[in-house]
Amino acid sequence: MKKWLFWIVLFLLLGVVAFQQLQGNTDGGYQTENSEVQQGPSGKSSNAIKVTKGQIYEGDLLLVNRDYPVHEQGVKSDVVNLFEHQELVEGYGLLNNKIRLSQSVAEKFLKMMDAAEKDGVDHFLISSGYRTAEEQRELYHKMGSDTALPANYSEHNLGMSLDIGSTKQEMSKAAEGKWLKKNAWKYGFILRYPEDKTNITGIKYEPWHFRYVGLPHSVIMQEKGFTLEEYIDYLRETKHISTTIQGKKYEVAYYSVGKKKTIHVPANHRYDISGNNVDGVIVTVYPK
């Protein structure tokens, strides 16, 4: 083969490879190993992230109820005794000196308490937070199945849920309860067991029980009137949603996970991966 013909063939081959790579980087979505493509920030380069089955059971969006128990890796690793961290106890009281909670969740709770205080609502009291499996077991035997859940089937075993009271009156009537019901979602918290969703949650109305899920999830759940059960089902069905909060766009995508999966996330955006405690993971891409 003549030398000039060799170089022509080589340039053509390189052009084909470059075109294929360009196509792979401009599909505008998160591509998985089974070629599922879901719309994300368009035209952005992506990073390949390997997800294992174990990640189904850890993160802020775990669904915990009578059907889906807490796994060991689901318990928050930063659980602290709030009484021993007085910097985390401002604008509210503690029922006793044994209340524990995830430190990161407690910090989010502080911001919410600050906002409530500015609105003139400031008689909050945390009566319960994180419980070990053994503590939950003792409570279940003491209170019975009508009031408590078995060990590892309670959200309190995660470290992200807390029972909030008022020093003035019961939460269903107190200003504190009304404020939280109206505003908690703005700060990443949800009323976990609403009065009109007992047939879905399987738990009677608890105006005191709040759970941290984070933004944008609490906002989406508020807008659609979803419980956590309904939200998890919604994501599994739709696969991908986007929402804009205060002018900033968030992307949320669900992926089923077998033993492992590789997904692609935008390279220049902060993201978070949480299991749903059922069968997959939820990827949240945050605005810059």
Protein backbone atom coordinates (compact mmCIF):
# COMPACT_ATOMS: atom_id res chain seq x y z
CA MET A 1 0.00 0.00 0.00
CA LYS A 2 1.32 3.42 -0.87
CA LYS A 3 2.25 5.66 2.02
CA TRP A 4 -0.30 8.38 1.17
CA LEU A 5 -3.13 5.79 1.04
CA PHE A 6 -2.11 4.45 4.46
CA TRP A 7 -2.44 7.92 6.03
CA ILE A 8 -5.87 8.48 4.46
CA VAL A 9 -7.18 5.21 5.91
CA LEU A 10 -5.69 6.04 9.33
CA PHE A 11 -7.32 9.50 9.43
CA LEU A 12 -10.69 8.01 8.46
CA LEU A 13 -10.50 5.46 11.28
CA LEU A 14 -9.55 8.12 13.82
CA GLY A 15 -12.48 10.25 12.64
CA VAL A 16 -14.95 7.42 13.23
CA VAL A 17 -13.64 6.84 16.77
CA ALA A 18 -13.80 10.55 17.59
CA PHE A 19 -17.39 10.78 16.31
CA GLN A 20 -18.47 7.81 18.47
CA GLN A 21 -16.90 9.37 21.56
CA LEU A 22 -18.60 12.68 20.84
CA GLN A 23 -21.95 10.95 20.59
CA GLY A 24 -21.37 9.20 23.92
CA ASN A 25 -20.61 12.49 25.68
CA THR A 26 -23.56 14.49 24.33
CA ASP A 27 -26.51 12.21 25.00
CA GLY A 28 -27.61 14.57 27.80
CA GLY A 29 -28.41 11.83 30.28
CA TYR A 30 -27.25 9.22 32.74
CA GLN A 31 -26.55 6.00 30.86
CA THR A 32 -26.50 2.60 32.56
CA GLU A 33 -25.02 -0.70 31.50
CA ASN A 34 -28.35 -1.86 30.08
CA SER A 35 -28.50 1.26 27.86
CA GLU A 36 -31.23 3.04 29.80
CA VAL A 37 -30.89 6.77 29.09
CA GLN A 38 -32.57 9.41 31.24
CA GLN A 39 -32.57 13.14 30.62
CA GLY A 40 -30.18 15.16 32.71
CA PRO A 41 -28.17 18.37 32.33
CA SER A 42 -27.67 18.26 28.56
CA GLY A 43 -24.33 18.37 26.87
CA LYS A 44 -22.32 17.72 30.02
CA SER A 45 -19.47 15.26 30.35
CA SER A 46 -20.10 12.45 32.80
CA ASN A 47 -18.31 10.25 35.30
CA ALA A 48 -18.91 6.51 35.56
CA ILE A 49 -19.98 5.47 39.06
CA LYS A 50 -20.19 1.84 40.14
CA VAL A 51 -23.13 1.06 42.43
CA THR A 52 -23.30 -2.15 44.44
CA LYS A 53 -26.30 -3.93 45.90
CA GLY A 54 -25.25 -2.90 49.39
CA GLN A 55 -25.92 0.75 48.53
CA ILE A 56 -29.63 -0.05 48.26
CA TYR A 57 -29.68 -0.08 52.05
CA GLU A 58 -27.95 3.19 52.93
CA GLY A 59 -28.74 6.88 52.45
CA ASP A 60 -31.26 9.57 53.35
CA LEU A 61 -34.17 8.16 51.30
CA LEU A 62 -34.50 4.72 52.85
CA LEU A 63 -38.07 3.48 53.11
CA VAL A 64 -38.49 1.83 56.50
CA ASN A 65 -41.81 0.29 57.51
CA ARG A 66 -43.36 -3.08 58.38
CA ASP A 67 -42.17 -4.49 55.04
CA TYR A 68 -38.67 -3.01 54.78
CA PRO A 69 -36.39 -3.20 57.83
CA VAL A 70 -33.30 -1.17 58.64
CA HIS A 71 -30.05 -2.81 57.55
CA GLU A 72 -26.86 -2.26 59.48
CA GLN A 73 -25.36 0.07 56.86
CA GLY A 74 -28.53 2.18 56.92
CA VAL A 75 -27.90 3.48 60.44
CA LYS A 76 -26.35 6.95 60.33
CA SER A 77 -22.70 6.85 61.35
CA ASP A 78 -22.74 10.30 62.98
CA VAL A 79 -25.32 9.67 65.73
CA VAL A 80 -24.51 11.78 68.81
CA ASN A 81 -25.99 12.45 72.22
CA LEU A 82 -27.55 15.90 71.89
CA PHE A 83 -27.22 16.71 75.60
CA GLU A 84 -23.45 16.31 75.22
CA HIS A 85 -23.44 18.64 72.20
CA GLN A 86 -25.11 21.78 73.49
CA GLU A 87 -24.12 23.65 70.34
CA LEU A 88 -26.77 21.51 68.62
CA VAL A 89 -29.47 22.34 71.17
CA GLU A 90 -30.60 25.90 70.54
CA GLY A 91 -34.19 27.04 70.27
CA TYR A 92 -35.62 23.81 71.63
CA GLY A 93 -35.49 21.55 74.68
CA LEU A 94 -34.80 17.89 75.34
CA LEU A 95 -37.11 15.56 77.25
CA ASN A 96 -34.08 13.92 78.85
CA ASN A 97 -30.30 13.71 78.55
CA LYS A 98 -30.37 10.51 76.49
CA ILE A 99 -31.80 11.88 73.21
CA ARG A 100 -29.60 10.96 70.24
CA LEU A 101 -29.74 11.97 66.60
CA SER A 102 -27.58 12.10 63.49
CA GLN A 103 -25.36 15.16 63.88
CA SER A 104 -25.95 16.23 60.28
CA VAL A 105 -29.72 15.96 60.77
CA ALA A 106 -29.47 17.89 64.05
CA GLU A 107 -27.67 20.69 62.20
CA LYS A 108 -30.49 20.84 59.65
CA PHE A 109 -32.99 20.85 62.50
CA LEU A 110 -31.22 23.86 64.05
CA LYS A 111 -31.77 25.88 60.88
CA MET A 112 -35.45 25.01 60.97
CA MET A 113 -35.71 26.02 64.64
CA ASP A 114 -34.08 29.34 63.84
CA ALA A 115 -36.70 30.00 61.16
CA ALA A 116 -39.52 29.04 63.53
CA GLU A 117 -38.19 31.37 66.22
CA LYS A 118 -38.22 34.26 63.74
CA ASP A 119 -41.91 33.49 63.24
CA GLY A 120 -42.48 33.65 66.99
CA VAL A 121 -42.81 29.88 67.49
CA ASP A 122 -40.26 28.69 70.02
CA HIS A 123 -41.57 26.10 72.47
CA PHE A 124 -40.25 22.95 70.80
CA LEU A 125 -39.17 19.82 72.62
CA ILE A 126 -37.53 16.67 71.24
CA SER A 127 -38.89 13.66 73.07
CA SER A 128 -37.27 10.88 71.06
CA GLY A 129 -34.62 10.42 68.39
CA TYR A 130 -32.35 7.53 67.54
CA ARG A 131 -32.97 4.16 69.19
CA THR A 132 -30.83 1.05 69.05
CA ALA A 133 -32.44 -2.20 67.93
CA GLU A 134 -32.42 -3.40 71.54
CA GLU A 135 -34.13 -0.23 72.78
CA GLN A 136 -36.76 -0.61 70.06
CA ARG A 137 -37.28 -4.23 71.06
CA GLU A 138 -37.87 -3.24 74.68
CA LEU A 139 -40.29 -0.50 73.64
CA TYR A 140 -42.20 -2.92 71.41
CA HIS A 141 -42.61 -5.43 74.23
CA LYS A 142 -43.67 -2.68 76.61
CA MET A 143 -46.07 -0.74 74.35
CA GLY A 144 -47.35 -3.48 72.05
CA SER A 145 -47.86 -3.62 68.29
CA ASP A 146 -50.62 -0.98 68.30
CA THR A 147 -48.17 1.67 69.46
CA ALA A 148 -44.67 0.54 68.52
CA LEU A 149 -42.89 -1.28 65.71
CA PRO A 150 -40.58 -4.28 66.10
CA ALA A 151 -36.82 -3.80 66.32
CA ASN A 152 -35.26 -2.64 63.03
CA TYR A 153 -38.66 -1.82 61.53
CA SER A 154 -38.86 1.64 63.05
CA GLU A 155 -37.46 4.80 61.46
CA HIS A 156 -36.06 5.66 64.87
CA ASN A 157 -33.47 2.95 64.27
CA LEU A 158 -31.99 5.05 61.42
CA GLY A 159 -31.03 8.23 63.29
CA MET A 160 -32.91 10.51 60.88
CA SER A 161 -36.32 10.61 62.60
CA LEU A 162 -37.37 12.48 65.69
CA ASP A 163 -40.47 12.98 67.77
CA ILE A 164 -41.08 16.67 68.31
CA GLY A 165 -43.38 18.05 70.98
CA SER A 166 -44.46 21.38 72.39
CA THR A 167 -44.03 22.57 75.96
CA LYS A 168 -47.37 24.37 75.60
CA GLN A 169 -49.88 21.73 74.47
CA GLU A 170 -50.27 18.59 72.37
CA MET A 171 -48.77 18.83 68.89
CA SER A 172 -52.03 18.47 66.96
CA LYS A 173 -53.19 21.75 68.54
CA ALA A 174 -49.94 23.53 69.39
CA ALA A 175 -48.49 26.38 67.35
CA GLU A 176 -45.32 24.30 67.08
CA GLY A 177 -47.18 21.43 65.43
CA LYS A 178 -49.01 23.73 63.04
CA TRP A 179 -45.79 25.53 62.09
CA LEU A 180 -43.96 22.29 61.35
CA LYS A 181 -46.83 20.90 59.31
CA LYS A 182 -46.78 24.07 57.21
CA ASN A 183 -43.03 24.66 56.93
CA ALA A 184 -40.92 21.56 57.70
CA TRP A 185 -40.69 20.55 54.03
CA LYS A 186 -38.80 23.76 53.24
CA TYR A 187 -35.92 22.45 55.36
CA GLY A 188 -35.82 18.85 54.16
CA PHE A 189 -38.15 17.35 56.78
CA ILE A 190 -41.48 15.59 56.22
CA LEU A 191 -44.42 14.74 58.46
CA ARG A 192 -43.95 11.00 58.13
CA TYR A 193 -47.39 9.75 59.18
CA PRO A 194 -50.11 12.16 57.97
CA GLU A 195 -53.68 11.92 59.19
CA ASP A 196 -55.15 11.13 55.76
CA LYS A 197 -52.57 8.52 54.69
CA THR A 198 -52.83 5.87 57.41
CA ASN A 199 -54.00 3.32 54.83
CA ILE A 200 -50.70 3.81 52.99
CA THR A 201 -48.22 4.15 55.85
CA GLY A 202 -49.92 1.57 58.06
CA ILE A 203 -49.33 3.90 61.01
CA LYS A 204 -51.90 6.02 62.80
CA TYR A 205 -51.60 9.80 62.64
CA GLU A 206 -48.50 11.03 64.47
CA PRO A 207 -48.31 14.85 64.37
CA TRP A 208 -45.02 14.68 66.27
CA HIS A 209 -43.01 12.29 64.06
CA PHE A 210 -40.80 14.00 61.48
CA ARG A 211 -38.21 12.47 59.19
CA TYR A 212 -35.31 14.06 57.31
CA VAL A 213 -35.17 13.27 53.56
CA GLY A 214 -33.48 16.45 52.29
CA LEU A 215 -34.06 18.76 49.34
CA PRO A 216 -35.42 18.55 46.72
CA HIS A 217 -37.30 15.45 47.88
CA SER A 218 -39.26 17.09 50.67
CA VAL A 219 -40.38 19.82 48.25
CA ILE A 220 -41.55 17.33 45.62
CA MET A 221 -43.39 15.28 48.24
CA GLN A 222 -45.10 18.40 49.55
CA GLU A 223 -46.18 19.52 46.08
CA LYS A 224 -47.59 16.13 45.19
CA GLY A 225 -48.97 15.25 48.61
CA PHE A 226 -46.84 12.11 48.79
CA THR A 227 -45.86 9.98 51.73
CA LEU A 228 -42.43 8.39 51.53
CA GLU A 229 -44.06 5.16 50.33
CA GLU A 230 -45.77 7.01 47.49
CA TYR A 231 -42.64 8.95 46.57
CA ILE A 232 -40.51 5.81 46.32
CA ASP A 233 -43.14 4.16 44.10
CA TYR A 234 -43.39 7.30 41.97
CA LEU A 235 -39.64 7.37 41.33
CA ARG A 236 -39.58 3.66 40.49
CA GLU A 237 -42.32 4.28 37.93
CA THR A 238 -41.16 7.53 36.33
CA LYS A 239 -37.40 6.79 36.54
CA HIS A 240 -36.47 10.46 36.25
CA ILE A 241 -37.86 13.81 37.35
CA SER A 242 -36.55 17.36 37.55
CA THR A 243 -37.72 20.27 39.64
CA THR A 244 -36.75 23.91 40.07
CA ILE A 245 -36.51 25.40 43.55
CA GLN A 246 -35.83 29.12 43.91
CA GLY A 247 -34.53 29.23 40.36
CA LYS A 248 -32.21 26.25 40.77
CA LYS A 249 -32.75 23.00 38.88
CA TYR A 250 -32.47 19.59 40.53
CA GLU A 251 -32.41 16.23 38.74
CA VAL A 252 -33.57 13.01 40.41
CA ALA A 253 -33.17 9.58 38.80
CA TYR A 254 -33.95 6.06 39.98
CA TYR A 255 -31.99 2.96 38.99
CA SER A 256 -32.76 -0.63 39.84
CA VAL A 257 -29.69 -2.48 41.09
CA GLY A 258 -28.86 -6.17 40.87
CA LYS A 259 -25.46 -7.25 42.15
CA LYS A 260 -23.92 -4.08 40.73
CA LYS A 261 -24.52 -1.38 38.14
CA THR A 262 -22.54 1.38 36.49
CA ILE A 263 -24.27 4.72 36.07
CA HIS A 264 -23.07 8.01 34.63
CA VAL A 265 -23.46 11.29 36.50
CA PRO A 266 -22.59 14.82 35.32
CA ALA A 267 -18.92 15.52 35.95
CA ASN A 268 -19.35 19.16 36.97
CA HIS A 269 -22.27 18.85 39.39
CA ARG A 270 -22.52 17.77 43.00
CA TYR A 271 -24.56 14.62 43.37
CA ASP A 272 -25.77 12.20 46.02
CA ILE A 273 -26.65 8.51 45.83
CA SER A 274 -29.16 7.02 48.26
CA GLY A 275 -30.68 3.59 48.36
CA ASN A 276 -34.45 3.25 48.62
CA ASN A 277 -34.17 0.16 50.88
CA VAL A 278 -36.27 -1.77 48.35
CA ASP A 279 -34.55 -2.54 45.06
CA GLY A 280 -32.48 0.36 43.79
CA VAL A 281 -30.78 3.70 44.26
CA ILE A 282 -31.85 7.29 43.77
CA VAL A 283 -29.36 9.73 42.27
CA THR A 284 -29.87 13.41 43.08
CA VAL A 285 -27.93 15.94 41.00
CA TYR A 286 -27.73 19.37 42.63
CA PRO A 287 -27.41 22.74 40.91
CA LYS A 288 -23.99 24.35 40.81
